[in-house]
């Protein structure tokens, strides 16, 4: 429940997502179907994505989690329909790196790894120290520069796994908050905004909830 309370008050988490009609249409068309039919990533990568999304925002007795509102499908569709070719190539490189790190850490593949295996990777990369994050970002910067000269260059596996998981975390939070179920039934929802009231505490204005729009 503590994680859920924190997420209610988060912003976009640094994700460059804009609520355009196309993006919102992708999000609202997604559902938690029993079988995740991927459109951009491979089926094994889809299994990994679903596990990761579920770990980032799990469900509880009262509030649907990210998988419940189809965020994993939204992310896959977004990558397929909105991401540039360059971004798509880097996402695929990120999944290759993640598979490498998963194999090293657990001796498992995307097909047979469980939630506890992905939780280890999330703990390693999303809880990295400031020094580690700095090193990852430096490595990523060098990779992006090299990629402009040579499209076959590969990123450092640790830096690429860190970048991909951070991307997924931000998109998961954004997609969960922007979904119709969460936006209308969990967060503070006001489809027709009224007057602006300055210096009003959130606790008083919405009961402590973030606005969905």
N, C-alpha and C. Protein backbone atom coordinates (compact mmCIF):
# COMPACT_ATOMS: atom_id res chain seq x y z
N UNK A 1 0.83 -1.21 0.00
CA UNK A 1 0.00 0.00 0.00
C UNK A 1 0.86 1.26 0.00
N UNK A 2 2.04 1.22 0.65
CA UNK A 2 2.90 2.40 0.66
C UNK A 2 3.33 2.75 -0.75
N UNK A 3 3.67 1.71 -1.55
CA UNK A 3 4.08 1.96 -2.93
C UNK A 3 2.95 2.62 -3.70
N UNK A 4 1.74 2.16 -3.50
CA UNK A 4 0.58 2.71 -4.20
C UNK A 4 0.36 4.16 -3.82
N UNK A 5 0.51 4.50 -2.55
CA UNK A 5 0.31 5.87 -2.11
C UNK A 5 1.34 6.79 -2.74
N UNK A 6 2.58 6.31 -2.88
CA UNK A 6 3.61 7.11 -3.51
C UNK A 6 3.29 7.33 -4.98
N UNK A 7 2.85 6.29 -5.66
CA UNK A 7 2.55 6.38 -7.08
C UNK A 7 1.41 7.34 -7.38
N UNK A 8 0.46 7.44 -6.47
CA UNK A 8 -0.67 8.35 -6.68
C UNK A 8 -0.21 9.80 -6.82
N UNK A 9 0.94 10.12 -6.23
CA UNK A 9 1.38 11.50 -6.21
C UNK A 9 2.55 11.77 -7.15
N UNK A 10 2.93 10.76 -7.95
CA UNK A 10 4.04 10.94 -8.87
C UNK A 10 3.60 11.67 -10.12
N UNK A 11 4.55 12.33 -10.74
CA UNK A 11 4.28 12.94 -12.03
C UNK A 11 4.58 11.94 -13.13
N UNK A 12 5.17 12.42 -14.24
CA UNK A 12 5.42 11.55 -15.37
C UNK A 12 6.70 10.73 -15.21
N UNK A 13 7.46 10.96 -14.16
CA UNK A 13 8.66 10.17 -13.97
C UNK A 13 9.71 10.41 -15.04
N UNK A 14 9.67 11.59 -15.67
CA UNK A 14 10.66 11.91 -16.68
C UNK A 14 10.38 11.32 -18.05
N UNK A 15 9.23 10.68 -18.25
CA UNK A 15 8.93 10.08 -19.53
C UNK A 15 8.42 11.13 -20.51
N UNK A 16 8.96 11.13 -21.72
CA UNK A 16 8.55 12.11 -22.74
C UNK A 16 7.30 11.61 -23.46
N UNK A 17 6.20 11.53 -22.73
CA UNK A 17 4.93 11.10 -23.30
C UNK A 17 3.96 12.26 -23.25
N UNK A 18 3.28 12.49 -24.35
CA UNK A 18 2.29 13.56 -24.42
C UNK A 18 0.93 12.93 -24.68
N UNK A 19 -0.08 13.39 -23.96
CA UNK A 19 -1.43 12.80 -24.08
C UNK A 19 -2.13 13.26 -25.35
N UNK A 20 -1.56 12.88 -26.48
CA UNK A 20 -2.19 13.19 -27.76
C UNK A 20 -3.35 12.22 -28.00
N UNK A 21 -4.27 12.54 -28.91
CA UNK A 21 -5.37 11.61 -29.20
C UNK A 21 -4.88 10.22 -29.61
N UNK A 22 -3.78 10.17 -30.38
CA UNK A 22 -3.25 8.88 -30.82
C UNK A 22 -2.78 8.05 -29.64
N UNK A 23 -2.01 8.68 -28.74
CA UNK A 23 -1.48 7.95 -27.58
C UNK A 23 -2.61 7.51 -26.66
N UNK A 24 -3.57 8.38 -26.40
CA UNK A 24 -4.69 8.03 -25.54
C UNK A 24 -5.55 6.93 -26.17
N UNK A 25 -5.68 6.97 -27.49
CA UNK A 25 -6.44 5.92 -28.17
C UNK A 25 -5.76 4.57 -28.01
N UNK A 26 -4.44 4.56 -28.12
CA UNK A 26 -3.69 3.32 -27.91
C UNK A 26 -3.92 2.80 -26.50
N UNK A 27 -3.86 3.69 -25.54
CA UNK A 27 -4.00 3.29 -24.15
C UNK A 27 -5.39 2.76 -23.85
N UNK A 28 -6.42 3.46 -24.30
CA UNK A 28 -7.79 3.06 -23.97
C UNK A 28 -8.22 1.79 -24.71
N UNK A 29 -7.51 1.43 -25.77
CA UNK A 29 -7.86 0.22 -26.51
C UNK A 29 -7.25 -1.03 -25.88
N UNK A 30 -6.38 -0.85 -24.90
CA UNK A 30 -5.69 -1.98 -24.30
C UNK A 30 -6.48 -2.59 -23.15
N UNK A 31 -6.44 -3.90 -23.08
CA UNK A 31 -7.10 -4.63 -22.00
C UNK A 31 -6.17 -5.74 -21.52
N UNK A 32 -6.45 -6.28 -20.37
CA UNK A 32 -5.64 -7.37 -19.83
C UNK A 32 -6.18 -8.71 -20.34
N UNK A 33 -5.90 -8.99 -21.60
CA UNK A 33 -6.33 -10.26 -22.17
C UNK A 33 -5.51 -11.41 -21.59
N UNK A 34 -6.09 -12.60 -21.48
CA UNK A 34 -5.36 -13.74 -20.92
C UNK A 34 -4.06 -14.05 -21.66
N UNK A 35 -4.09 -13.87 -22.99
CA UNK A 35 -2.90 -14.10 -23.81
C UNK A 35 -2.41 -12.77 -24.35
N UNK A 36 -1.16 -12.44 -24.07
CA UNK A 36 -0.58 -11.18 -24.52
C UNK A 36 0.00 -11.38 -25.92
N UNK A 37 -0.73 -10.88 -26.92
CA UNK A 37 -0.28 -10.98 -28.30
C UNK A 37 0.53 -9.72 -28.63
N UNK A 38 1.83 -9.84 -28.62
CA UNK A 38 2.69 -8.68 -28.85
C UNK A 38 2.67 -8.27 -30.32
N UNK A 39 2.93 -6.98 -30.56
CA UNK A 39 2.97 -6.48 -31.94
C UNK A 39 4.35 -5.94 -32.32
N UNK A 40 5.18 -5.61 -31.34
CA UNK A 40 6.52 -5.09 -31.63
C UNK A 40 7.60 -6.00 -31.07
N UNK A 41 7.56 -6.27 -29.80
CA UNK A 41 8.56 -7.14 -29.20
C UNK A 41 8.16 -8.61 -29.41
N UNK A 42 9.09 -9.51 -29.16
CA UNK A 42 8.81 -10.94 -29.32
C UNK A 42 7.95 -11.44 -28.17
N UNK A 43 7.39 -12.62 -28.32
CA UNK A 43 6.55 -13.19 -27.27
C UNK A 43 7.33 -13.37 -25.96
N UNK A 44 8.57 -13.92 -25.98
CA UNK A 44 9.34 -14.02 -24.74
C UNK A 44 9.61 -12.65 -24.10
N UNK A 45 9.92 -11.65 -24.94
CA UNK A 45 10.12 -10.30 -24.41
C UNK A 45 8.83 -9.75 -23.82
N UNK A 46 7.69 -10.12 -24.42
CA UNK A 46 6.40 -9.72 -23.88
C UNK A 46 6.16 -10.32 -22.51
N UNK A 47 6.59 -11.56 -22.30
CA UNK A 47 6.47 -12.18 -20.98
C UNK A 47 7.27 -11.39 -19.96
N UNK A 48 8.48 -10.99 -20.37
CA UNK A 48 9.32 -10.20 -19.47
C UNK A 48 8.67 -8.86 -19.16
N UNK A 49 8.16 -8.19 -20.20
CA UNK A 49 7.53 -6.88 -20.01
C UNK A 49 6.34 -6.99 -19.06
N UNK A 50 5.53 -8.00 -19.22
CA UNK A 50 4.35 -8.15 -18.36
C UNK A 50 4.76 -8.34 -16.90
N UNK A 51 5.77 -9.17 -16.66
CA UNK A 51 6.26 -9.37 -15.30
C UNK A 51 6.74 -8.05 -14.70
N UNK A 52 7.53 -7.31 -15.49
CA UNK A 52 8.12 -6.06 -14.99
C UNK A 52 7.05 -5.03 -14.67
N UNK A 53 6.10 -4.86 -15.58
CA UNK A 53 5.00 -3.91 -15.37
C UNK A 53 4.21 -4.28 -14.12
N UNK A 54 3.97 -5.55 -13.93
CA UNK A 54 3.20 -6.01 -12.77
C UNK A 54 3.96 -5.76 -11.46
N UNK A 55 5.28 -5.87 -11.50
CA UNK A 55 6.08 -5.62 -10.31
C UNK A 55 6.13 -4.13 -9.97
N UNK A 56 6.14 -3.29 -10.99
CA UNK A 56 6.23 -1.85 -10.76
C UNK A 56 4.95 -1.31 -10.11
N UNK A 57 3.79 -1.72 -10.62
CA UNK A 57 2.51 -1.32 -10.02
C UNK A 57 1.63 -2.56 -9.93
N UNK A 58 1.76 -3.31 -8.84
CA UNK A 58 0.92 -4.51 -8.67
C UNK A 58 -0.49 -4.13 -8.24
N UNK A 59 -1.39 -5.05 -8.37
CA UNK A 59 -2.76 -4.81 -7.91
C UNK A 59 -2.84 -5.08 -6.42
N UNK A 60 -3.90 -4.58 -5.79
CA UNK A 60 -4.18 -4.94 -4.41
C UNK A 60 -5.68 -5.19 -4.28
N UNK A 61 -6.17 -5.27 -3.08
CA UNK A 61 -7.57 -5.63 -2.88
C UNK A 61 -8.55 -4.56 -3.36
N UNK A 62 -8.07 -3.34 -3.52
CA UNK A 62 -8.99 -2.25 -3.85
C UNK A 62 -8.70 -1.54 -5.17
N UNK A 63 -7.44 -1.59 -5.63
CA UNK A 63 -7.06 -0.82 -6.81
C UNK A 63 -6.40 -1.72 -7.86
N UNK A 64 -6.82 -1.64 -9.12
CA UNK A 64 -6.20 -2.44 -10.18
C UNK A 64 -4.73 -2.05 -10.37
N UNK A 65 -3.91 -3.02 -10.70
CA UNK A 65 -2.52 -2.74 -11.00
C UNK A 65 -2.34 -2.40 -12.48
N UNK A 66 -1.09 -2.19 -12.88
CA UNK A 66 -0.82 -1.78 -14.26
C UNK A 66 -1.20 -2.86 -15.27
N UNK A 67 -0.95 -4.11 -14.96
CA UNK A 67 -1.32 -5.19 -15.87
C UNK A 67 -2.84 -5.28 -16.00
N UNK A 68 -3.55 -5.04 -14.90
CA UNK A 68 -5.02 -5.12 -14.92
C UNK A 68 -5.64 -4.14 -15.91
N UNK A 69 -4.99 -2.99 -16.14
CA UNK A 69 -5.55 -2.00 -17.07
C UNK A 69 -4.82 -2.04 -18.43
N UNK A 70 -4.03 -3.08 -18.66
CA UNK A 70 -3.41 -3.30 -19.97
C UNK A 70 -2.23 -2.42 -20.31
N UNK A 71 -1.49 -1.97 -19.31
CA UNK A 71 -0.35 -1.08 -19.58
C UNK A 71 0.74 -1.79 -20.38
N UNK A 72 0.94 -3.08 -20.15
CA UNK A 72 1.95 -3.82 -20.91
C UNK A 72 1.62 -3.81 -22.40
N UNK A 73 0.33 -3.94 -22.74
CA UNK A 73 -0.09 -3.88 -24.14
C UNK A 73 0.11 -2.48 -24.71
N UNK A 74 -0.18 -1.47 -23.90
CA UNK A 74 0.00 -0.09 -24.33
C UNK A 74 1.46 0.19 -24.68
N UNK A 75 2.38 -0.24 -23.82
CA UNK A 75 3.80 0.01 -24.05
C UNK A 75 4.26 -0.65 -25.35
N UNK A 76 3.88 -1.90 -25.55
CA UNK A 76 4.24 -2.62 -26.77
C UNK A 76 3.68 -1.91 -28.00
N UNK A 77 2.42 -1.49 -27.95
CA UNK A 77 1.79 -0.80 -29.07
C UNK A 77 2.43 0.57 -29.32
N UNK A 78 2.77 1.27 -28.24
CA UNK A 78 3.41 2.57 -28.37
C UNK A 78 4.76 2.44 -29.07
N UNK A 79 5.54 1.47 -28.64
CA UNK A 79 6.83 1.24 -29.29
C UNK A 79 6.65 0.91 -30.77
N UNK A 80 5.60 0.19 -31.11
CA UNK A 80 5.37 -0.23 -32.48
C UNK A 80 4.86 0.89 -33.36
N UNK A 81 3.97 1.74 -32.84
CA UNK A 81 3.29 2.72 -33.67
C UNK A 81 3.81 4.15 -33.54
N UNK A 82 4.47 4.46 -32.43
CA UNK A 82 4.88 5.84 -32.18
C UNK A 82 6.39 6.03 -32.16
N UNK A 83 7.12 5.07 -31.60
CA UNK A 83 8.57 5.21 -31.47
C UNK A 83 9.24 5.28 -32.84
N UNK A 84 10.30 6.06 -32.93
CA UNK A 84 11.05 6.17 -34.18
C UNK A 84 11.84 4.89 -34.43
N UNK A 85 12.31 4.72 -35.66
CA UNK A 85 13.10 3.53 -35.98
C UNK A 85 14.35 3.45 -35.11
N UNK A 86 14.95 4.60 -34.85
CA UNK A 86 16.15 4.62 -34.01
C UNK A 86 15.80 4.19 -32.59
N UNK A 87 14.70 4.69 -32.05
CA UNK A 87 14.27 4.30 -30.71
C UNK A 87 13.94 2.81 -30.67
N UNK A 88 13.31 2.32 -31.71
CA UNK A 88 12.96 0.90 -31.77
C UNK A 88 14.21 0.02 -31.73
N UNK A 89 15.23 0.44 -32.47
CA UNK A 89 16.48 -0.31 -32.48
C UNK A 89 17.12 -0.33 -31.09
N UNK A 90 17.04 0.79 -30.40
CA UNK A 90 17.63 0.87 -29.07
C UNK A 90 16.83 0.07 -28.05
N UNK A 91 15.50 0.01 -28.22
CA UNK A 91 14.67 -0.80 -27.33
C UNK A 91 15.01 -2.27 -27.50
N UNK A 92 15.18 -2.70 -28.75
CA UNK A 92 15.54 -4.09 -29.00
C UNK A 92 16.92 -4.41 -28.43
N UNK A 93 17.83 -3.45 -28.54
CA UNK A 93 19.16 -3.64 -27.94
C UNK A 93 19.05 -3.73 -26.42
N UNK A 94 18.12 -2.97 -25.86
CA UNK A 94 17.89 -3.02 -24.42
C UNK A 94 17.38 -4.38 -23.97
N UNK A 95 16.48 -4.96 -24.74
CA UNK A 95 15.97 -6.29 -24.39
C UNK A 95 17.05 -7.36 -24.53
N UNK A 96 17.91 -7.22 -25.54
CA UNK A 96 19.03 -8.16 -25.67
C UNK A 96 19.93 -8.08 -24.44
N UNK A 97 20.19 -6.85 -24.00
CA UNK A 97 21.03 -6.66 -22.82
C UNK A 97 20.36 -7.20 -21.57
N UNK A 98 19.04 -6.97 -21.46
CA UNK A 98 18.31 -7.45 -20.29
C UNK A 98 18.32 -8.98 -20.24
N UNK A 99 18.18 -9.62 -21.39
CA UNK A 99 18.25 -11.08 -21.44
C UNK A 99 19.62 -11.56 -20.99
N UNK A 100 20.65 -10.84 -21.39
CA UNK A 100 22.03 -11.17 -20.99
C UNK A 100 22.20 -11.06 -19.49
N UNK A 101 21.72 -9.97 -18.91
CA UNK A 101 21.86 -9.76 -17.46
C UNK A 101 21.00 -10.76 -16.67
N UNK A 102 19.83 -11.09 -17.20
CA UNK A 102 18.97 -12.08 -16.55
C UNK A 102 19.65 -13.44 -16.53
N UNK A 103 20.25 -13.81 -17.65
CA UNK A 103 20.95 -15.09 -17.75
C UNK A 103 22.10 -15.14 -16.76
N UNK A 104 22.86 -14.06 -16.67
CA UNK A 104 24.00 -14.02 -15.74
C UNK A 104 23.56 -14.09 -14.29
N UNK A 105 22.43 -13.43 -13.97
CA UNK A 105 21.99 -13.34 -12.57
C UNK A 105 21.24 -14.57 -12.12
N UNK A 106 20.49 -15.21 -13.02
CA UNK A 106 19.60 -16.30 -12.58
C UNK A 106 19.75 -17.60 -13.36
N UNK A 107 20.54 -17.58 -14.44
CA UNK A 107 20.68 -18.74 -15.33
C UNK A 107 19.35 -19.10 -16.00
N UNK A 108 18.50 -18.09 -16.17
CA UNK A 108 17.19 -18.32 -16.79
C UNK A 108 17.02 -17.42 -18.01
N UNK A 109 16.03 -17.76 -18.82
CA UNK A 109 15.70 -16.97 -20.00
C UNK A 109 14.35 -16.28 -19.77
N UNK A 110 13.96 -15.43 -20.72
CA UNK A 110 12.66 -14.77 -20.61
C UNK A 110 11.52 -15.78 -20.51
N UNK A 111 11.69 -16.92 -21.17
CA UNK A 111 10.60 -17.89 -21.20
C UNK A 111 10.35 -18.57 -19.87
N UNK A 112 11.40 -18.78 -19.07
CA UNK A 112 11.20 -19.52 -17.82
C UNK A 112 11.49 -18.74 -16.55
N UNK A 113 11.78 -17.46 -16.66
CA UNK A 113 12.02 -16.64 -15.47
C UNK A 113 10.70 -16.26 -14.82
N UNK A 114 10.71 -16.13 -13.51
CA UNK A 114 9.52 -15.75 -12.76
C UNK A 114 9.63 -14.34 -12.19
N UNK A 115 8.58 -13.91 -11.51
CA UNK A 115 8.53 -12.55 -10.96
C UNK A 115 9.71 -12.27 -10.04
N UNK A 116 10.09 -13.27 -9.23
CA UNK A 116 11.19 -13.05 -8.28
C UNK A 116 12.51 -12.79 -9.01
N UNK A 117 12.68 -13.36 -10.21
CA UNK A 117 13.90 -13.15 -10.98
C UNK A 117 13.95 -11.72 -11.53
N UNK A 118 12.84 -11.24 -12.02
CA UNK A 118 12.79 -9.86 -12.53
C UNK A 118 12.89 -8.85 -11.39
N UNK A 119 12.38 -9.22 -10.23
CA UNK A 119 12.46 -8.32 -9.08
C UNK A 119 13.92 -8.06 -8.71
N UNK A 120 14.77 -9.06 -8.89
CA UNK A 120 16.20 -8.88 -8.61
C UNK A 120 16.81 -7.85 -9.56
N UNK A 121 16.41 -7.90 -10.83
CA UNK A 121 16.93 -6.94 -11.79
C UNK A 121 16.42 -5.53 -11.51
N UNK A 122 15.14 -5.42 -11.14
CA UNK A 122 14.58 -4.11 -10.80
C UNK A 122 15.31 -3.51 -9.60
N UNK A 123 15.58 -4.34 -8.61
CA UNK A 123 16.27 -3.87 -7.41
C UNK A 123 17.68 -3.40 -7.75
N UNK A 124 18.34 -4.13 -8.66
CA UNK A 124 19.71 -3.78 -9.02
C UNK A 124 19.79 -2.47 -9.80
N UNK A 125 18.94 -2.33 -10.79
CA UNK A 125 19.07 -1.18 -11.69
C UNK A 125 18.24 0.03 -11.28
N UNK A 126 17.05 -0.17 -10.76
CA UNK A 126 16.22 0.97 -10.39
C UNK A 126 16.56 1.52 -9.01
N UNK A 127 17.34 0.78 -8.25
CA UNK A 127 17.82 1.28 -6.96
C UNK A 127 19.32 1.53 -7.00
N UNK A 128 19.84 1.77 -8.19
CA UNK A 128 21.28 2.00 -8.34
C UNK A 128 21.70 3.27 -7.59
N UNK A 129 22.94 3.27 -7.13
CA UNK A 129 23.46 4.44 -6.43
C UNK A 129 23.66 5.59 -7.42
N UNK A 130 23.87 6.78 -6.88
CA UNK A 130 24.10 7.95 -7.74
C UNK A 130 25.34 7.73 -8.60
N UNK A 131 26.36 7.12 -8.00
CA UNK A 131 27.59 6.85 -8.73
C UNK A 131 27.35 5.86 -9.87
N UNK A 132 26.56 4.84 -9.60
CA UNK A 132 26.25 3.86 -10.63
C UNK A 132 25.43 4.48 -11.75
N UNK A 133 24.43 5.29 -11.39
CA UNK A 133 23.61 5.95 -12.40
C UNK A 133 24.47 6.86 -13.29
N UNK A 134 25.40 7.55 -12.68
CA UNK A 134 26.29 8.43 -13.43
C UNK A 134 27.12 7.63 -14.43
N UNK A 135 27.62 6.48 -13.97
CA UNK A 135 28.42 5.63 -14.84
C UNK A 135 27.57 5.07 -15.99
N UNK A 136 26.34 4.65 -15.66
CA UNK A 136 25.44 4.13 -16.70
C UNK A 136 25.15 5.20 -17.74
N UNK A 137 24.84 6.42 -17.27
CA UNK A 137 24.49 7.51 -18.19
C UNK A 137 25.68 7.92 -19.06
N UNK A 138 26.87 7.88 -18.48
CA UNK A 138 28.07 8.19 -19.27
C UNK A 138 28.25 7.15 -20.37
N UNK A 139 28.08 5.88 -20.01
CA UNK A 139 28.21 4.80 -20.98
C UNK A 139 27.16 4.92 -22.08
N UNK A 140 25.92 5.28 -21.70
CA UNK A 140 24.85 5.44 -22.68
C UNK A 140 25.15 6.60 -23.63
N UNK A 141 25.68 7.68 -23.10
CA UNK A 141 26.03 8.82 -23.94
C UNK A 141 27.08 8.45 -24.97
N UNK A 142 28.07 7.68 -24.54
CA UNK A 142 29.11 7.22 -25.47
C UNK A 142 28.53 6.28 -26.52
N UNK A 143 27.59 5.44 -26.10
CA UNK A 143 26.95 4.52 -27.04
C UNK A 143 26.14 5.29 -28.09
N UNK A 144 25.35 6.29 -27.66
CA UNK A 144 24.52 7.04 -28.61
C UNK A 144 25.39 7.76 -29.64
N UNK A 145 26.53 8.29 -29.20
CA UNK A 145 27.43 8.96 -30.12
C UNK A 145 28.02 7.96 -31.12
N UNK A 146 28.42 6.81 -30.61
CA UNK A 146 29.00 5.78 -31.48
C UNK A 146 27.96 5.23 -32.45
N UNK A 147 26.69 5.15 -31.98
CA UNK A 147 25.61 4.61 -32.81
C UNK A 147 25.35 5.48 -34.03
N UNK A 148 25.55 6.79 -33.89
CA UNK A 148 25.34 7.68 -35.02
C UNK A 148 26.34 7.40 -36.15
N UNK A 149 27.51 6.88 -35.78
CA UNK A 149 28.54 6.57 -36.76
C UNK A 149 28.46 5.14 -37.26
N UNK A 150 27.99 4.25 -36.38
CA UNK A 150 27.97 2.82 -36.71
C UNK A 150 26.74 2.17 -36.10
N UNK A 151 25.75 1.84 -36.93
CA UNK A 151 24.48 1.30 -36.44
C UNK A 151 24.62 -0.12 -35.89
N UNK A 152 25.76 -0.74 -36.06
CA UNK A 152 25.94 -2.11 -35.55
C UNK A 152 26.55 -2.15 -34.16
N UNK A 153 26.93 -0.99 -33.63
CA UNK A 153 27.56 -0.96 -32.31
C UNK A 153 26.57 -1.38 -31.24
N UNK A 154 27.04 -2.06 -30.21
CA UNK A 154 26.19 -2.55 -29.13
C UNK A 154 26.48 -1.77 -27.83
N UNK A 155 25.43 -1.50 -27.04
CA UNK A 155 25.64 -0.78 -25.78
C UNK A 155 26.19 -1.70 -24.69
N UNK A 156 26.73 -1.13 -23.65
CA UNK A 156 27.12 -1.91 -22.48
C UNK A 156 25.87 -2.56 -21.89
N UNK A 157 25.89 -3.87 -21.63
CA UNK A 157 24.67 -4.55 -21.16
C UNK A 157 24.07 -3.95 -19.89
N UNK A 158 24.91 -3.58 -18.93
CA UNK A 158 24.38 -3.01 -17.70
C UNK A 158 23.72 -1.66 -17.95
N UNK A 159 24.36 -0.81 -18.74
CA UNK A 159 23.79 0.50 -19.04
C UNK A 159 22.50 0.37 -19.84
N UNK A 160 22.47 -0.56 -20.79
CA UNK A 160 21.28 -0.75 -21.61
C UNK A 160 20.12 -1.31 -20.80
N UNK A 161 20.40 -2.25 -19.89
CA UNK A 161 19.35 -2.80 -19.04
C UNK A 161 18.79 -1.72 -18.12
N UNK A 162 19.68 -0.89 -17.58
CA UNK A 162 19.27 0.23 -16.72
C UNK A 162 18.38 1.20 -17.49
N UNK A 163 18.76 1.52 -18.72
CA UNK A 163 17.98 2.46 -19.53
C UNK A 163 16.62 1.89 -19.88
N UNK A 164 16.56 0.63 -20.30
CA UNK A 164 15.29 0.01 -20.67
C UNK A 164 14.34 -0.07 -19.49
N UNK A 165 14.84 -0.50 -18.33
CA UNK A 165 13.98 -0.63 -17.15
C UNK A 165 13.48 0.73 -16.68
N UNK A 166 14.33 1.75 -16.78
CA UNK A 166 13.88 3.10 -16.43
C UNK A 166 12.80 3.59 -17.37
N UNK A 167 12.96 3.28 -18.66
CA UNK A 167 11.95 3.63 -19.67
C UNK A 167 10.62 2.95 -19.36
N UNK A 168 10.69 1.65 -19.07
CA UNK A 168 9.47 0.89 -18.77
C UNK A 168 8.81 1.42 -17.50
N UNK A 169 9.60 1.72 -16.48
CA UNK A 169 9.03 2.25 -15.24
C UNK A 169 8.26 3.54 -15.49
N UNK A 170 8.87 4.47 -16.22
CA UNK A 170 8.20 5.74 -16.49
C UNK A 170 6.93 5.57 -17.30
N UNK A 171 6.99 4.71 -18.34
CA UNK A 171 5.82 4.48 -19.17
C UNK A 171 4.72 3.75 -18.40
N UNK A 172 5.12 2.87 -17.49
CA UNK A 172 4.14 2.15 -16.68
C UNK A 172 3.37 3.11 -15.79
N UNK A 173 4.08 3.99 -15.12
CA UNK A 173 3.44 4.96 -14.23
C UNK A 173 2.52 5.89 -15.02
N UNK A 174 3.02 6.39 -16.16
CA UNK A 174 2.21 7.28 -16.98
C UNK A 174 0.97 6.56 -17.50
N UNK A 175 1.16 5.36 -18.05
CA UNK A 175 0.04 4.63 -18.62
C UNK A 175 -1.00 4.25 -17.58
N UNK A 176 -0.54 3.87 -16.40
CA UNK A 176 -1.47 3.50 -15.32
C UNK A 176 -2.30 4.70 -14.90
N UNK A 177 -1.64 5.84 -14.70
CA UNK A 177 -2.36 7.03 -14.27
C UNK A 177 -3.31 7.56 -15.34
N UNK A 178 -2.92 7.40 -16.63
CA UNK A 178 -3.73 7.94 -17.72
C UNK A 178 -4.83 6.99 -18.19
N UNK A 179 -4.84 5.76 -17.68
CA UNK A 179 -5.88 4.82 -18.10
C UNK A 179 -7.25 5.28 -17.61
N UNK A 180 -8.27 4.90 -18.33
CA UNK A 180 -9.64 5.33 -17.99
C UNK A 180 -10.05 4.84 -16.60
N UNK A 181 -9.74 3.59 -16.28
CA UNK A 181 -10.13 3.03 -14.99
C UNK A 181 -9.50 3.79 -13.83
N UNK A 182 -8.21 4.04 -13.91
CA UNK A 182 -7.51 4.72 -12.82
C UNK A 182 -7.84 6.21 -12.83
N UNK A 183 -7.85 6.81 -14.01
CA UNK A 183 -8.11 8.25 -14.10
C UNK A 183 -9.46 8.65 -13.56
N UNK A 184 -10.48 7.83 -13.81
CA UNK A 184 -11.84 8.21 -13.40
C UNK A 184 -12.24 7.66 -12.03
N UNK A 185 -11.68 6.51 -11.65
CA UNK A 185 -12.16 5.86 -10.43
C UNK A 185 -11.19 5.84 -9.27
N UNK A 186 -9.93 6.19 -9.51
CA UNK A 186 -8.94 6.16 -8.43
C UNK A 186 -8.37 7.55 -8.16
N UNK A 187 -7.97 8.26 -9.20
CA UNK A 187 -7.41 9.60 -9.03
C UNK A 187 -8.54 10.63 -9.00
N UNK A 188 -8.17 11.88 -8.75
CA UNK A 188 -9.15 12.96 -8.74
C UNK A 188 -9.50 13.31 -10.18
N UNK A 189 -10.74 13.12 -10.55
CA UNK A 189 -11.16 13.28 -11.95
C UNK A 189 -12.14 14.44 -12.08
N UNK A 190 -11.78 15.39 -12.94
CA UNK A 190 -12.63 16.56 -13.17
C UNK A 190 -12.65 16.83 -14.68
N UNK A 191 -13.56 16.19 -15.42
CA UNK A 191 -13.56 16.31 -16.88
C UNK A 191 -13.75 17.73 -17.39
N UNK A 192 -14.47 18.55 -16.64
CA UNK A 192 -14.65 19.95 -17.02
C UNK A 192 -14.08 20.81 -15.89
N UNK A 193 -12.80 21.23 -16.02
CA UNK A 193 -12.16 21.98 -14.94
C UNK A 193 -12.94 23.24 -14.58
N UNK A 194 -12.98 23.51 -13.27
CA UNK A 194 -13.67 24.71 -12.80
C UNK A 194 -12.70 25.84 -12.56
N UNK A 195 -12.99 26.65 -11.56
CA UNK A 195 -12.15 27.80 -11.30
C UNK A 195 -10.82 27.38 -10.67
N UNK A 196 -9.80 28.19 -10.92
CA UNK A 196 -8.48 27.95 -10.35
C UNK A 196 -8.42 28.55 -8.96
N UNK A 197 -8.03 27.73 -7.99
CA UNK A 197 -7.91 28.20 -6.61
C UNK A 197 -6.46 28.03 -6.18
N UNK A 198 -5.78 29.13 -5.95
CA UNK A 198 -4.37 29.07 -5.59
C UNK A 198 -4.15 28.76 -4.12
N UNK A 199 -3.00 28.17 -3.82
CA UNK A 199 -2.56 27.91 -2.44
C UNK A 199 -3.53 27.01 -1.67
N UNK A 200 -4.21 26.13 -2.36
CA UNK A 200 -5.13 25.20 -1.71
C UNK A 200 -4.42 23.86 -1.57
N UNK A 201 -4.27 23.36 -0.36
CA UNK A 201 -3.57 22.08 -0.16
C UNK A 201 -4.27 20.96 -0.92
N UNK A 202 -3.48 20.03 -1.46
CA UNK A 202 -4.04 18.90 -2.18
C UNK A 202 -4.91 18.06 -1.26
N UNK A 203 -4.51 17.98 0.01
CA UNK A 203 -5.29 17.20 0.97
C UNK A 203 -6.71 17.72 1.11
N UNK A 204 -6.86 19.05 0.92
CA UNK A 204 -8.18 19.67 1.02
C UNK A 204 -8.92 19.66 -0.31
N UNK A 205 -8.17 19.84 -1.39
CA UNK A 205 -8.81 19.92 -2.71
C UNK A 205 -9.30 18.59 -3.23
N UNK A 206 -8.50 17.54 -3.04
CA UNK A 206 -8.86 16.24 -3.63
C UNK A 206 -8.74 15.08 -2.65
N UNK A 207 -8.55 15.36 -1.38
CA UNK A 207 -8.37 14.26 -0.44
C UNK A 207 -7.00 13.63 -0.56
N UNK A 208 -6.03 14.37 -1.10
CA UNK A 208 -4.68 13.86 -1.23
C UNK A 208 -4.37 13.17 -2.54
N UNK A 209 -5.36 13.08 -3.42
CA UNK A 209 -5.16 12.40 -4.69
C UNK A 209 -4.62 13.35 -5.75
N UNK A 210 -3.80 12.82 -6.65
CA UNK A 210 -3.34 13.59 -7.79
C UNK A 210 -4.45 13.65 -8.82
N UNK A 211 -4.49 14.72 -9.64
CA UNK A 211 -5.47 14.81 -10.70
C UNK A 211 -5.08 13.89 -11.85
N UNK A 212 -6.07 13.31 -12.51
CA UNK A 212 -5.79 12.42 -13.62
C UNK A 212 -5.59 13.18 -14.93
N UNK A 213 -6.03 14.41 -15.02
CA UNK A 213 -5.89 15.21 -16.25
C UNK A 213 -5.13 16.49 -15.95
